[in-house]
């Protein structure tokens, strides 16, 4: 098990499989809100579902409507369980707040390097800790 300290943005404790990208995510136009699948054509995660994942990405991008789109997906059970960013920005943070979605940023290590797609991760935004409980088999980072 590996533990990485970070900054809690929205409190809560969740765990699940990590879905990792080095591409920013736009929840307004880059994700299908009816399916929770990344729909931006040239995105590393194109065609993949964020449902029930610990979504690890550098930051959000795009319109402020993305906050509501994230909320809409979460309210219909299609959103991630938690979010880890390099640096939180307002659109994703507001979406996480209204969705009651645990979120952390500014980890001691770059989360896009330390966490791989498929790792089993506990996000403890109450204590400011990310625990990699089990590494994925192989290097399948997106």
Protein backbone atom coordinates (compact mmCIF):
# COMPACT_ATOMS: atom_id res chain seq x y z
CA UNK A 1 0.00 0.00 0.00
CA UNK A 2 1.20 3.50 -0.84
CA UNK A 3 -0.07 6.64 0.93
CA UNK A 4 0.14 10.10 -0.63
CA UNK A 5 -0.80 13.26 1.27
CA UNK A 6 -2.71 16.03 -0.41
CA UNK A 7 -5.12 18.92 -0.06
CA UNK A 8 -8.80 18.10 0.56
CA UNK A 9 -11.14 20.15 -1.63
CA UNK A 10 -14.41 18.37 -0.74
CA UNK A 11 -14.53 15.99 2.23
CA UNK A 12 -15.57 12.37 2.19
CA UNK A 13 -14.10 8.89 1.93
CA UNK A 14 -14.58 6.69 -1.14
CA UNK A 15 -12.69 3.92 -2.83
CA UNK A 16 -12.69 2.38 -6.24
CA UNK A 17 -10.80 1.70 -9.41
CA UNK A 18 -8.76 4.61 -10.76
CA UNK A 19 -9.32 6.04 -14.21
CA UNK A 20 -6.30 8.22 -15.06
CA UNK A 21 -5.55 10.70 -17.84
CA UNK A 22 -3.05 13.47 -18.44
CA UNK A 23 -5.69 15.33 -20.49
CA UNK A 24 -7.94 17.97 -18.87
CA UNK A 25 -11.65 17.05 -18.88
CA UNK A 26 -14.56 19.21 -19.97
CA UNK A 27 -17.79 18.03 -18.39
CA UNK A 28 -19.67 20.36 -20.78
CA UNK A 29 -19.24 18.87 -24.23
CA UNK A 30 -16.43 16.41 -23.48
CA UNK A 31 -18.55 13.86 -21.60
CA UNK A 32 -21.91 12.39 -22.56
CA UNK A 33 -24.12 13.31 -19.56
CA UNK A 34 -26.62 10.54 -20.38
CA UNK A 35 -23.97 7.78 -20.20
CA UNK A 36 -20.98 9.16 -18.22
CA UNK A 37 -18.71 8.22 -21.14
CA UNK A 38 -15.89 10.50 -22.35
CA UNK A 39 -17.05 11.73 -25.77
CA UNK A 40 -14.29 14.18 -26.73
CA UNK A 41 -12.83 12.64 -29.91
CA UNK A 42 -9.09 13.16 -29.27
CA UNK A 43 -9.15 12.58 -25.50
CA UNK A 44 -7.00 9.80 -23.98
CA UNK A 45 -10.11 8.37 -22.32
CA UNK A 46 -12.40 8.60 -25.36
CA UNK A 47 -15.12 5.97 -25.12
CA UNK A 48 -14.44 5.11 -21.46
CA UNK A 49 -16.98 5.41 -18.66
CA UNK A 50 -16.22 7.36 -15.49
CA UNK A 51 -19.09 5.68 -13.63
CA UNK A 52 -17.99 4.62 -10.13
CA UNK A 53 -14.31 5.39 -10.82
CA UNK A 54 -11.84 7.51 -8.91
CA UNK A 55 -11.26 9.99 -11.72
CA UNK A 56 -7.68 11.29 -11.83
CA UNK A 57 -6.95 14.17 -14.22
CA UNK A 58 -4.90 17.37 -14.15
CA UNK A 59 -7.77 19.90 -14.16
CA UNK A 60 -11.07 20.73 -15.73
CA UNK A 61 -11.56 22.86 -18.79
CA UNK A 62 -14.40 24.59 -20.54
CA UNK A 63 -17.68 26.21 -19.66
CA UNK A 64 -19.12 26.81 -16.21
CA UNK A 65 -22.04 24.62 -17.33
CA UNK A 66 -19.67 21.72 -16.66
CA UNK A 67 -20.40 22.05 -12.93
CA UNK A 68 -24.05 21.24 -13.52
CA UNK A 69 -23.24 18.48 -16.02
CA UNK A 70 -21.05 16.76 -13.40
CA UNK A 71 -23.88 17.11 -10.86
CA UNK A 72 -26.40 15.75 -13.38
CA UNK A 73 -24.27 12.66 -14.06
CA UNK A 74 -23.69 12.03 -10.36
CA UNK A 75 -27.37 12.47 -9.50
CA UNK A 76 -28.23 9.77 -12.06
CA UNK A 77 -25.52 7.39 -10.82
CA UNK A 78 -23.28 7.87 -13.87
CA UNK A 79 -20.52 9.98 -12.35
CA UNK A 80 -17.25 9.15 -10.65
CA UNK A 81 -17.01 8.20 -6.96
CA UNK A 82 -14.29 10.79 -6.37
CA UNK A 83 -11.93 13.19 -8.13
CA UNK A 84 -8.20 13.80 -7.83
CA UNK A 85 -6.72 16.80 -9.67
CA UNK A 86 -3.25 18.28 -9.84
CA UNK A 87 -4.87 21.64 -9.11
CA UNK A 88 -8.57 22.17 -8.58
CA UNK A 89 -10.27 24.87 -10.59
CA UNK A 90 -13.72 26.40 -9.97
CA UNK A 91 -15.81 24.48 -12.54
CA UNK A 92 -14.87 21.02 -11.27
CA UNK A 93 -14.76 22.10 -7.60
CA UNK A 94 -18.28 23.57 -7.77
CA UNK A 95 -19.53 20.44 -9.53
CA UNK A 96 -17.98 18.32 -6.79
CA UNK A 97 -19.49 20.52 -4.06
CA UNK A 98 -23.05 20.33 -5.38
CA UNK A 99 -22.62 16.60 -6.09
CA UNK A 100 -21.15 15.90 -2.62
CA UNK A 101 -18.27 14.22 -4.46
CA UNK A 102 -15.03 13.79 -2.47
CA UNK A 103 -12.21 15.66 -4.17
CA UNK A 104 -8.51 16.29 -3.54
CA UNK A 105 -5.72 18.19 -5.25
CA UNK A 106 -2.10 19.26 -4.76
CA UNK A 107 -0.83 15.80 -3.82
CA UNK A 108 2.79 15.44 -2.66
CA UNK A 109 3.40 13.37 -5.80
CA UNK A 110 2.02 13.92 -9.28
CA UNK A 111 -1.15 11.78 -9.26
CA UNK A 112 -0.91 11.19 -13.02
CA UNK A 113 2.45 9.46 -12.39
CA UNK A 114 1.81 7.75 -9.03
CA UNK A 115 -1.66 6.39 -9.82
CA UNK A 116 -2.34 4.13 -12.80
CA UNK A 117 -5.61 3.26 -14.48
CA UNK A 118 -6.86 0.10 -12.80
CA UNK A 119 -5.23 0.76 -9.41
CA UNK A 120 -7.61 0.31 -6.47
CA UNK A 121 -7.56 3.64 -4.62
CA UNK A 122 -9.04 4.99 -1.40
CA UNK A 123 -9.62 8.74 -1.48
CA UNK A 124 -9.85 10.02 2.10
CA UNK A 125 -10.54 13.71 1.65
CA UNK A 126 -11.39 14.01 5.36
CA UNK A 127 -7.77 13.22 6.32
CA UNK A 128 -6.13 14.48 3.11
CA UNK A 129 -4.84 11.03 2.12
CA UNK A 130 -4.86 9.01 -1.07
CA UNK A 131 -4.13 5.33 -0.50
CA UNK A 132 -3.20 3.08 -3.40
CA UNK A 133 -4.45 -0.19 -1.94
CA UNK A 134 -3.71 -2.42 -4.91
CA UNK A 135 -1.78 -1.71 -8.09
CA UNK A 136 -3.24 -2.75 -11.41
CA UNK A 137 -1.67 -5.64 -13.25
CA UNK A 138 0.67 -4.12 -15.84
CA UNK A 139 1.20 -0.51 -16.84
CA UNK A 140 -2.09 0.46 -18.42
CA UNK A 141 -2.07 4.14 -17.60
CA UNK A 142 -4.25 5.99 -20.08
